[in-house]
Amino acid sequence: MAILDRIKKLRDERGWSNYRLAKEAGISEGSLNNLFRLSNQPTIPTLEAICAGLGISLCQFFADGSEAVMLNSEQMEMLNVWNTLNKEQKMALLELLKKM
């Protein structure tokens, strides 16, 4: 799957707009829109920022799906909630979890 198609798929799975993805990734919406409009490939730092915004690693981004990870229902629920949080909420939750 092409990089831009993969970004779109992951964005759409979350029900996010380009604006939301750009905000979560800490990049400008114009930069993100230009990637799609001009069919440009993102630089590694931009792709890392997009992955961070999506809450995944570069490794997960490029995984072909054959490396199945089995999550139980509680883990899935936790990840689904995590994906709806903004950057500040994620940081606060991580701090809370580290103190437990």
PDB file of N, CA and C in Angstrom:
ATOM      1  N   MET A   1       0.852  -1.183   0.000  1.00  0.00           N
ATOM      2  CA  MET A   1       0.000   0.000   0.000  1.00  0.00           C
ATOM      3  C   MET A   1       0.890   1.236   0.000  1.00  0.00           C
ATOM      4  N   ALA A   2       0.547   2.203  -0.793  1.00  0.00           N
ATOM      5  CA  ALA A   2       1.311   3.446  -0.880  1.00  0.00           C
ATOM      6  C   ALA A   2       1.196   4.221   0.436  1.00  0.00           C
ATOM      7  N   ILE A   3       2.197   5.022   0.727  1.00  0.00           N
ATOM      8  CA  ILE A   3       2.257   5.760   1.982  1.00  0.00           C
ATOM      9  C   ILE A   3       1.043   6.667   2.162  1.00  0.00           C
ATOM     10  N   LEU A   4       0.699   7.446   1.150  1.00  0.00           N
ATOM     11  CA  LEU A   4      -0.439   8.349   1.289  1.00  0.00           C
ATOM     12  C   LEU A   4      -1.752   7.589   1.468  1.00  0.00           C
ATOM     13  N   ASP A   5      -1.879   6.469   0.784  1.00  0.00           N
ATOM     14  CA  ASP A   5      -3.078   5.646   0.944  1.00  0.00           C
ATOM     15  C   ASP A   5      -3.162   5.094   2.364  1.00  0.00           C
ATOM     16  N   ARG A   6      -2.023   4.709   2.912  1.00  0.00           N
ATOM     17  CA  ARG A   6      -1.987   4.178   4.280  1.00  0.00           C
ATOM     18  C   ARG A   6      -2.370   5.271   5.285  1.00  0.00           C
ATOM     19  N   ILE A   7      -1.861   6.490   5.081  1.00  0.00           N
ATOM     20  CA  ILE A   7      -2.216   7.603   5.963  1.00  0.00           C
ATOM     21  C   ILE A   7      -3.718   7.850   5.902  1.00  0.00           C
ATOM     22  N   LYS A   8      -4.261   7.895   4.689  1.00  0.00           N
ATOM     23  CA  LYS A   8      -5.713   8.108   4.530  1.00  0.00           C
ATOM     24  C   LYS A   8      -6.507   7.013   5.235  1.00  0.00           C
ATOM     25  N   LYS A   9      -6.084   5.767   5.067  1.00  0.00           N
ATOM     26  CA  LYS A   9      -6.790   4.643   5.679  1.00  0.00           C
ATOM     27  C   LYS A   9      -6.797   4.773   7.197  1.00  0.00           C
ATOM     28  N   LEU A  10      -5.638   5.068   7.771  1.00  0.00           N
ATOM     29  CA  LEU A  10      -5.544   5.202   9.226  1.00  0.00           C
ATOM     30  C   LEU A  10      -6.335   6.409   9.730  1.00  0.00           C
ATOM     31  N   ARG A  11      -6.304   7.483   8.973  1.00  0.00           N
ATOM     32  CA  ARG A  11      -7.079   8.681   9.324  1.00  0.00           C
ATOM     33  C   ARG A  11      -8.567   8.366   9.290  1.00  0.00           C
ATOM     34  N   ASP A  12      -9.001   7.722   8.229  1.00  0.00           N
ATOM     35  CA  ASP A  12     -10.421   7.406   8.060  1.00  0.00           C
ATOM     36  C   ASP A  12     -10.915   6.400   9.100  1.00  0.00           C
ATOM     37  N   GLU A  13     -10.050   5.454   9.486  1.00  0.00           N
ATOM     38  CA  GLU A  13     -10.433   4.487  10.517  1.00  0.00           C
ATOM     39  C   GLU A  13     -10.780   5.182  11.829  1.00  0.00           C
ATOM     40  N   ARG A  14     -10.144   6.324  12.064  1.00  0.00           N
ATOM     41  CA  ARG A  14     -10.391   7.072  13.294  1.00  0.00           C
ATOM     42  C   ARG A  14     -11.524   8.086  13.131  1.00  0.00           C
ATOM     43  N   GLY A  15     -11.996   8.240  11.895  1.00  0.00           N
ATOM     44  CA  GLY A  15     -13.043   9.211  11.629  1.00  0.00           C
ATOM     45  C   GLY A  15     -12.538  10.641  11.712  1.00  0.00           C
ATOM     46  N   TRP A  16     -11.265  10.820  11.431  1.00  0.00           N
ATOM     47  CA  TRP A  16     -10.629  12.127  11.550  1.00  0.00           C
ATOM     48  C   TRP A  16     -10.623  12.863  10.219  1.00  0.00           C
ATOM     49  N   SER A  17     -10.617  14.172  10.293  1.00  0.00           N
ATOM     50  CA  SER A  17     -10.404  15.031   9.132  1.00  0.00           C
ATOM     51  C   SER A  17      -8.899  15.286   9.011  1.00  0.00           C
ATOM     52  N   ASN A  18      -8.498  15.891   7.897  1.00  0.00           N
ATOM     53  CA  ASN A  18      -7.099  16.299   7.767  1.00  0.00           C
ATOM     54  C   ASN A  18      -6.735  17.310   8.850  1.00  0.00           C
ATOM     55  N   TYR A  19      -7.698  18.152   9.196  1.00  0.00           N
ATOM     56  CA  TYR A  19      -7.448  19.143  10.249  1.00  0.00           C
ATOM     57  C   TYR A  19      -7.098  18.448  11.565  1.00  0.00           C
ATOM     58  N   ARG A  20      -7.879  17.446  11.945  1.00  0.00           N
ATOM     59  CA  ARG A  20      -7.630  16.740  13.204  1.00  0.00           C
ATOM     60  C   ARG A  20      -6.297  16.016  13.159  1.00  0.00           C
ATOM     61  N   LEU A  21      -5.999  15.348  12.061  1.00  0.00           N
ATOM     62  CA  LEU A  21      -4.727  14.644  11.937  1.00  0.00           C
ATOM     63  C   LEU A  21      -3.567  15.621  12.035  1.00  0.00           C
ATOM     64  N   ALA A  22      -3.663  16.742  11.337  1.00  0.00           N
ATOM     65  CA  ALA A  22      -2.594  17.740  11.388  1.00  0.00           C
ATOM     66  C   ALA A  22      -2.407  18.255  12.810  1.00  0.00           C
ATOM     67  N   LYS A  23      -3.493  18.506  13.498  1.00  0.00           N
ATOM     68  CA  LYS A  23      -3.429  18.999  14.872  1.00  0.00           C
ATOM     69  C   LYS A  23      -2.765  17.970  15.780  1.00  0.00           C
ATOM     70  N   GLU A  24      -3.180  16.711  15.675  1.00  0.00           N
ATOM     71  CA  GLU A  24      -2.608  15.646  16.506  1.00  0.00           C
ATOM     72  C   GLU A  24      -1.131  15.422  16.188  1.00  0.00           C
ATOM     73  N   ALA A  25      -0.764  15.613  14.916  1.00  0.00           N
ATOM     74  CA  ALA A  25       0.618  15.388  14.482  1.00  0.00           C
ATOM     75  C   ALA A  25       1.517  16.594  14.736  1.00  0.00           C
ATOM     76  N   GLY A  26       0.907  17.741  15.026  1.00  0.00           N
ATOM     77  CA  GLY A  26       1.708  18.938  15.256  1.00  0.00           C
ATOM     78  C   GLY A  26       2.294  19.518  13.982  1.00  0.00           C
ATOM     79  N   ILE A  27       1.599  19.300  12.861  1.00  0.00           N
ATOM     80  CA  ILE A  27       2.030  19.896  11.593  1.00  0.00           C
ATOM     81  C   ILE A  27       0.892  20.766  11.076  1.00  0.00           C
ATOM     82  N   SER A  28       1.195  21.617  10.117  1.00  0.00           N
ATOM     83  CA  SER A  28       0.143  22.493   9.598  1.00  0.00           C
ATOM     84  C   SER A  28      -0.805  21.707   8.699  1.00  0.00           C
ATOM     85  N   GLU A  29      -2.055  22.116   8.736  1.00  0.00           N
ATOM     86  CA  GLU A  29      -3.039  21.475   7.879  1.00  0.00           C
ATOM     87  C   GLU A  29      -2.676  21.688   6.411  1.00  0.00           C
ATOM     88  N   GLY A  30      -2.129  22.857   6.092  1.00  0.00           N
ATOM     89  CA  GLY A  30      -1.714  23.131   4.716  1.00  0.00           C
ATOM     90  C   GLY A  30      -0.653  22.158   4.233  1.00  0.00           C
ATOM     91  N   SER A  31       0.306  21.849   5.104  1.00  0.00           N
ATOM     92  CA  SER A  31       1.353  20.881   4.736  1.00  0.00           C
ATOM     93  C   SER A  31       0.752  19.509   4.459  1.00  0.00           C
ATOM     94  N   LEU A  32      -0.172  19.100   5.326  1.00  0.00           N
ATOM     95  CA  LEU A  32      -0.803  17.796   5.137  1.00  0.00           C
ATOM     96  C   LEU A  32      -1.639  17.786   3.863  1.00  0.00           C
ATOM     97  N   ASN A  33      -2.409  18.836   3.649  1.00  0.00           N
ATOM     98  CA  ASN A  33      -3.225  18.904   2.436  1.00  0.00           C
ATOM     99  C   ASN A  33      -2.366  18.894   1.187  1.00  0.00           C
ATOM    100  N   ASN A  34      -1.213  19.568   1.234  1.00  0.00           N
ATOM    101  CA  ASN A  34      -0.314  19.592   0.076  1.00  0.00           C
ATOM    102  C   ASN A  34       0.228  18.204  -0.247  1.00  0.00           C
ATOM    103  N   LEU A  35       0.485  17.407   0.779  1.00  0.00           N
ATOM    104  CA  LEU A  35       0.955  16.037   0.520  1.00  0.00           C
ATOM    105  C   LEU A  35      -0.046  15.299  -0.353  1.00  0.00           C
ATOM    106  N   PHE A  36      -1.319  15.396   0.025  1.00  0.00           N
ATOM    107  CA  PHE A  36      -2.356  14.683  -0.717  1.00  0.00           C
ATOM    108  C   PHE A  36      -2.634  15.324  -2.075  1.00  0.00           C
ATOM    109  N   ARG A  37      -2.708  16.649  -2.083  1.00  0.00           N
ATOM    110  CA  ARG A  37      -3.061  17.347  -3.326  1.00  0.00           C
ATOM    111  C   ARG A  37      -1.995  17.157  -4.390  1.00  0.00           C
ATOM    112  N   LEU A  38      -0.724  17.198  -3.976  1.00  0.00           N
ATOM    113  CA  LEU A  38       0.376  17.092  -4.931  1.00  0.00           C
ATOM    114  C   LEU A  38       0.915  15.660  -5.048  1.00  0.00           C
ATOM    115  N   SER A  39       0.319  14.752  -4.291  1.00  0.00           N
ATOM    116  CA  SER A  39       0.773  13.350  -4.254  1.00  0.00           C
ATOM    117  C   SER A  39       2.258  13.248  -3.927  1.00  0.00           C
ATOM    118  N   ASN A  40       2.700  14.107  -3.004  1.00  0.00           N
ATOM    119  CA  ASN A  40       4.091  14.070  -2.545  1.00  0.00           C
ATOM    120  C   ASN A  40       4.245  13.054  -1.438  1.00  0.00           C
ATOM    121  N   GLN A  41       5.406  12.457  -1.355  1.00  0.00           N
ATOM    122  CA  GLN A  41       5.702  11.559  -0.258  1.00  0.00           C
ATOM    123  C   GLN A  41       6.214  12.402   0.917  1.00  0.00           C
ATOM    124  N   PRO A  42       5.754  12.109   2.126  1.00  0.00           N
ATOM    125  CA  PRO A  42       6.226  12.884   3.273  1.00  0.00           C
ATOM    126  C   PRO A  42       7.681  12.562   3.585  1.00  0.00           C
ATOM    127  N   THR A  43       8.359  13.533   4.179  1.00  0.00           N
ATOM    128  CA  THR A  43       9.715  13.271   4.654  1.00  0.00           C
ATOM    129  C   THR A  43       9.614  12.348   5.869  1.00  0.00           C
ATOM    130  N   ILE A  44      10.725  11.763   6.252  1.00  0.00           N
ATOM    131  CA  ILE A  44      10.728  10.884   7.427  1.00  0.00           C
ATOM    132  C   ILE A  44      10.272  11.640   8.679  1.00  0.00           C
ATOM    133  N   PRO A  45      10.795  12.851   8.948  1.00  0.00           N
ATOM    134  CA  PRO A  45      10.305  13.570  10.131  1.00  0.00           C
ATOM    135  C   PRO A  45       8.797  13.855  10.081  1.00  0.00           C
ATOM    136  N   THR A  46       8.278  14.175   8.900  1.00  0.00           N
ATOM    137  CA  THR A  46       6.841  14.422   8.774  1.00  0.00           C
ATOM    138  C   THR A  46       6.061  13.134   8.996  1.00  0.00           C
ATOM    139  N   LEU A  47       6.536  12.043   8.437  1.00  0.00           N
ATOM    140  CA  LEU A  47       5.861  10.766   8.627  1.00  0.00           C
ATOM    141  C   LEU A  47       5.917  10.336  10.094  1.00  0.00           C
ATOM    142  N   GLU A  48       7.038  10.592  10.752  1.00  0.00           N
ATOM    143  CA  GLU A  48       7.138  10.280  12.184  1.00  0.00           C
ATOM    144  C   GLU A  48       6.117  11.093  12.980  1.00  0.00           C
ATOM    145  N   ALA A  49       5.958  12.366  12.625  1.00  0.00           N
ATOM    146  CA  ALA A  49       4.981  13.222  13.312  1.00  0.00           C
ATOM    147  C   ALA A  49       3.563  12.720  13.065  1.00  0.00           C
ATOM    148  N   ILE A  50       3.270  12.326  11.838  1.00  0.00           N
ATOM    149  CA  ILE A  50       1.942  11.796  11.506  1.00  0.00           C
ATOM    150  C   ILE A  50       1.683  10.509  12.296  1.00  0.00           C
ATOM    151  N   CYS A  51       2.673   9.635  12.340  1.00  0.00           N
ATOM    152  CA  CYS A  51       2.518   8.388  13.100  1.00  0.00           C
ATOM    153  C   CYS A  51       2.301   8.686  14.580  1.00  0.00           C
ATOM    154  N   ALA A  52       3.059   9.627  15.110  1.00  0.00           N
ATOM    155  CA  ALA A  52       2.883  10.002  16.521  1.00  0.00           C
ATOM    156  C   ALA A  52       1.470  10.535  16.744  1.00  0.00           C
ATOM    157  N   GLY A  53       0.986  11.339  15.818  1.00  0.00           N
ATOM    158  CA  GLY A  53      -0.371  11.856  15.921  1.00  0.00           C
ATOM    159  C   GLY A  53      -1.417  10.758  15.870  1.00  0.00           C
ATOM    160  N   LEU A  54      -1.133   9.729  15.102  1.00  0.00           N
ATOM    161  CA  LEU A  54      -2.043   8.582  14.991  1.00  0.00           C
ATOM    162  C   LEU A  54      -1.884   7.613  16.161  1.00  0.00           C
ATOM    163  N   GLY A  55      -0.835   7.821  16.953  1.00  0.00           N
ATOM    164  CA  GLY A  55      -0.601   6.947  18.099  1.00  0.00           C
ATOM    165  C   GLY A  55       0.017   5.617  17.736  1.00  0.00           C
ATOM    166  N   ILE A  56       0.791   5.605  16.641  1.00  0.00           N
ATOM    167  CA  ILE A  56       1.458   4.377  16.211  1.00  0.00           C
ATOM    168  C   ILE A  56       2.928   4.669  15.942  1.00  0.00           C
ATOM    169  N   SER A  57       3.717   3.621  15.849  1.00  0.00           N
ATOM    170  CA  SER A  57       5.135   3.770  15.516  1.00  0.00           C
ATOM    171  C   SER A  57       5.318   3.649  13.996  1.00  0.00           C
ATOM    172  N   LEU A  58       6.491   4.030  13.526  1.00  0.00           N
ATOM    173  CA  LEU A  58       6.797   3.828  12.103  1.00  0.00           C
ATOM    174  C   LEU A  58       6.744   2.345  11.754  1.00  0.00           C
ATOM    175  N   CYS A  59       7.191   1.519  12.665  1.00  0.00           N
ATOM    176  CA  CYS A  59       7.154   0.072  12.443  1.00  0.00           C
ATOM    177  C   CYS A  59       5.714  -0.398  12.236  1.00  0.00           C
ATOM    178  N   GLN A  60       4.808   0.084  13.079  1.00  0.00           N
ATOM    179  CA  GLN A  60       3.403  -0.286  12.928  1.00  0.00           C
ATOM    180  C   GLN A  60       2.835   0.256  11.622  1.00  0.00           C
ATOM    181  N   PHE A  61       3.277   1.455  11.237  1.00  0.00           N
ATOM    182  CA  PHE A  61       2.795   2.056  10.000  1.00  0.00           C
ATOM    183  C   PHE A  61       3.130   1.171   8.806  1.00  0.00           C
ATOM    184  N   PHE A  62       4.359   0.623   8.793  1.00  0.00           N
ATOM    185  CA  PHE A  62       4.802  -0.164   7.650  1.00  0.00           C
ATOM    186  C   PHE A  62       4.525  -1.656   7.782  1.00  0.00           C
ATOM    187  N   ALA A  63       3.989  -2.091   8.913  1.00  0.00           N
ATOM    188  CA  ALA A  63       3.683  -3.515   9.089  1.00  0.00           C
ATOM    189  C   ALA A  63       2.660  -3.932   8.046  1.00  0.00           C
ATOM    190  N   ASP A  64       2.876  -5.097   7.476  1.00  0.00           N
ATOM    191  CA  ASP A  64       1.992  -5.565   6.406  1.00  0.00           C
ATOM    192  C   ASP A  64       0.768  -6.293   6.913  1.00  0.00           C
ATOM    193  N   GLY A  65       0.643  -6.389   8.214  1.00  0.00           N
ATOM    194  CA  GLY A  65      -0.527  -7.058   8.763  1.00  0.00           C
ATOM    195  C   GLY A  65      -0.306  -8.528   9.054  1.00  0.00           C
ATOM    196  N   SER A  66       0.805  -9.075   8.590  1.00  0.00           N
ATOM    197  CA  SER A  66       1.060 -10.486   8.853  1.00  0.00           C
ATOM    198  C   SER A  66       1.570 -10.706  10.267  1.00  0.00           C
ATOM    199  N   GLU A  67       2.008  -9.619  10.909  1.00  0.00           N
ATOM    200  CA  GLU A  67       2.471  -9.718  12.294  1.00  0.00           C
ATOM    201  C   GLU A  67       1.289  -9.444  13.212  1.00  0.00           C
ATOM    202  N   ALA A  68       0.401 -10.380  13.316  1.00  0.00           N
ATOM    203  CA  ALA A  68      -0.825 -10.186  14.087  1.00  0.00           C
ATOM    204  C   ALA A  68      -0.528 -10.048  15.568  1.00  0.00           C
ATOM    205  N   VAL A  69      -1.172  -9.086  16.179  1.00  0.00           N
ATOM    206  CA  VAL A  69      -1.095  -8.883  17.609  1.00  0.00           C
ATOM    207  C   VAL A  69      -2.496  -9.099  18.143  1.00  0.00           C
ATOM    208  N   MET A  70      -2.624 -10.010  19.073  1.00  0.00           N
ATOM    209  CA  MET A  70      -3.930 -10.310  19.620  1.00  0.00           C
ATOM    210  C   MET A  70      -4.171  -9.444  20.853  1.00  0.00           C
ATOM    211  N   LEU A  71      -5.223  -8.662  20.816  1.00  0.00           N
ATOM    212  CA  LEU A  71      -5.611  -7.834  21.943  1.00  0.00           C
ATOM    213  C   LEU A  71      -6.917  -8.347  22.510  1.00  0.00           C
ATOM    214  N   ASN A  72      -7.013  -8.306  23.852  1.00  0.00           N
ATOM    215  CA  ASN A  72      -8.300  -8.685  24.431  1.00  0.00           C
ATOM    216  C   ASN A  72      -9.237  -7.488  24.367  1.00  0.00           C
ATOM    217  N   SER A  73     -10.475  -7.686  24.751  1.00  0.00           N
ATOM    218  CA  SER A  73     -11.482  -6.629  24.606  1.00  0.00           C
ATOM    219  C   SER A  73     -11.144  -5.402  25.445  1.00  0.00           C
ATOM    220  N   GLU A  74     -10.561  -5.601  26.633  1.00  0.00           N
ATOM    221  CA  GLU A  74     -10.180  -4.464  27.467  1.00  0.00           C
ATOM    222  C   GLU A  74      -9.081  -3.640  26.811  1.00  0.00           C
ATOM    223  N   GLN A  75      -8.099  -4.319  26.210  1.00  0.00           N
ATOM    224  CA  GLN A  75      -7.013  -3.624  25.532  1.00  0.00           C
ATOM    225  C   GLN A  75      -7.531  -2.856  24.323  1.00  0.00           C
ATOM    226  N   MET A  76      -8.448  -3.470  23.587  1.00  0.00           N
ATOM    227  CA  MET A  76      -9.037  -2.792  22.429  1.00  0.00           C
ATOM    228  C   MET A  76      -9.796  -1.541  22.861  1.00  0.00           C
ATOM    229  N   GLU A  77     -10.572  -1.664  23.931  1.00  0.00           N
ATOM    230  CA  GLU A  77     -11.324  -0.514  24.438  1.00  0.00           C
ATOM    231  C   GLU A  77     -10.372   0.598  24.854  1.00  0.00           C
ATOM    232  N   MET A  78      -9.293   0.224  25.528  1.00  0.00           N
ATOM    233  CA  MET A  78      -8.310   1.217  25.970  1.00  0.00           C
ATOM    234  C   MET A  78      -7.671   1.934  24.773  1.00  0.00           C
ATOM    235  N   LEU A  79      -7.324   1.184  23.747  1.00  0.00           N
ATOM    236  CA  LEU A  79      -6.722   1.801  22.561  1.00  0.00           C
ATOM    237  C   LEU A  79      -7.731   2.679  21.820  1.00  0.00           C
ATOM    238  N   ASN A  80      -8.972   2.264  21.770  1.00  0.00           N
ATOM    239  CA  ASN A  80      -9.997   3.076  21.114  1.00  0.00           C
ATOM    240  C   ASN A  80     -10.185   4.400  21.833  1.00  0.00           C
ATOM    241  N   VAL A  81     -10.195   4.368  23.162  1.00  0.00           N
ATOM    242  CA  VAL A  81     -10.306   5.605  23.933  1.00  0.00           C
ATOM    243  C   VAL A  81      -9.059   6.452  23.727  1.00  0.00           C
ATOM    244  N   TRP A  82      -7.888   5.815  23.768  1.00  0.00           N
ATOM    245  CA  TRP A  82      -6.611   6.523  23.580  1.00  0.00           C
ATOM    246  C   TRP A  82      -6.618   7.311  22.267  1.00  0.00           C
ATOM    247  N   ASN A  83      -7.120   6.711  21.214  1.00  0.00           N
ATOM    248  CA  ASN A  83      -7.125   7.346  19.895  1.00  0.00           C
ATOM    249  C   ASN A  83      -8.037   8.556  19.818  1.00  0.00           C
ATOM    250  N   THR A  84      -8.931   8.717  20.766  1.00  0.00           N
ATOM    251  CA  THR A  84      -9.815   9.879  20.764  1.00  0.00           C
ATOM    252  C   THR A  84      -9.246  11.042  21.579  1.00  0.00           C
ATOM    253  N   LEU A  85      -8.194  10.781  22.344  1.00  0.00           N
ATOM    254  CA  LEU A  85      -7.619  11.815  23.208  1.00  0.00           C
ATOM    255  C   LEU A  85      -6.745  12.775  22.425  1.00  0.00           C
ATOM    256  N   ASN A  86      -6.669  14.015  22.924  1.00  0.00           N
ATOM    257  CA  ASN A  86      -5.729  14.960  22.318  1.00  0.00           C
ATOM    258  C   ASN A  86      -4.355  14.759  22.955  1.00  0.00           C
ATOM    259  N   LYS A  87      -3.375  15.456  22.469  1.00  0.00           N
ATOM    260  CA  LYS A  87      -1.992  15.266  22.902  1.00  0.00           C
ATOM    261  C   LYS A  87      -1.830  15.508  24.406  1.00  0.00           C
ATOM    262  N   GLU A  88      -2.445  16.566  24.924  1.00  0.00           N
ATOM    263  CA  GLU A  88      -2.334  16.889  26.344  1.00  0.00           C
ATOM    264  C   GLU A  88      -2.975  15.803  27.208  1.00  0.00           C
ATOM    265  N   GLN A  89      -4.126  15.302  26.774  1.00  0.00           N
ATOM    266  CA  GLN A  89      -4.798  14.246  27.524  1.00  0.00           C
ATOM    267  C   GLN A  89      -3.962  12.967  27.532  1.00  0.00           C
ATOM    268  N   LYS A  90      -3.327  12.663  26.402  1.00  0.00           N
ATOM    269  CA  LYS A  90      -2.473  11.477  26.342  1.00  0.00           C
ATOM    270  C   LYS A  90      -1.307  11.610  27.310  1.00  0.00           C
ATOM    271  N   MET A  91      -0.701  12.788  27.340  1.00  0.00           N
ATOM    272  CA  MET A  91       0.435  13.019  28.246  1.00  0.00           C
ATOM    273  C   MET A  91      -0.015  12.872  29.697  1.00  0.00           C
ATOM    274  N   ALA A  92      -1.171  13.441  30.045  1.00  0.00           N
ATOM    275  CA  ALA A  92      -1.681  13.360  31.410  1.00  0.00           C
ATOM    276  C   ALA A  92      -1.970  11.910  31.797  1.00  0.00           C
ATOM    277  N   LEU A  93      -2.572  11.154  30.888  1.00  0.00           N
ATOM    278  CA  LEU A  93      -2.877   9.751  31.160  1.00  0.00           C
ATOM    279  C   LEU A  93      -1.602   8.935  31.344  1.00  0.00           C
ATOM    280  N   LEU A  94      -0.605   9.177  30.506  1.00  0.00           N
ATOM    281  CA  LEU A  94       0.664   8.466  30.652  1.00  0.00           C
ATOM    282  C   LEU A  94       1.301   8.752  32.007  1.00  0.00           C
ATOM    283  N   GLU A  95       1.264  10.006  32.427  1.00  0.00           N
ATOM    284  CA  GLU A  95       1.822  10.368  33.731  1.00  0.00           C
ATOM    285  C   GLU A  95       1.075   9.649  34.856  1.00  0.00           C
ATOM    286  N   LEU A  96      -0.236   9.606  34.752  1.00  0.00           N
ATOM    287  CA  LEU A  96      -1.041   8.916  35.749  1.00  0.00           C
ATOM    288  C   LEU A  96      -0.679   7.434  35.805  1.00  0.00           C
ATOM    289  N   LEU A  97      -0.576   6.799  34.643  1.00  0.00           N
ATOM    290  CA  LEU A  97      -0.253   5.382  34.592  1.00  0.00           C
ATOM    291  C   LEU A  97       1.138   5.090  35.162  1.00  0.00           C
ATOM    292  N   LYS A  98       2.075   5.982  34.919  1.00  0.00           N
ATOM    293  CA  LYS A  98       3.438   5.784  35.438  1.00  0.00           C
ATOM    294  C   LYS A  98       3.464   5.855  36.956  1.00  0.00           C
ATOM    295  N   LYS A  99       2.547   6.605  37.548  1.00  0.00           N
ATOM    296  CA  LYS A  99       2.510   6.757  39.004  1.00  0.00           C
ATOM    297  C   LYS A  99       1.740   5.646  39.698  1.00  0.00           C
ATOM    298  N   MET A 100       1.101   4.791  38.944  1.00  0.00           N
ATOM    299  CA  MET A 100       0.298   3.712  39.554  1.00  0.00           C
ATOM    300  C   MET A 100       1.180   2.553  39.945  1.00  0.00           C
TER     301      MET A 100
END
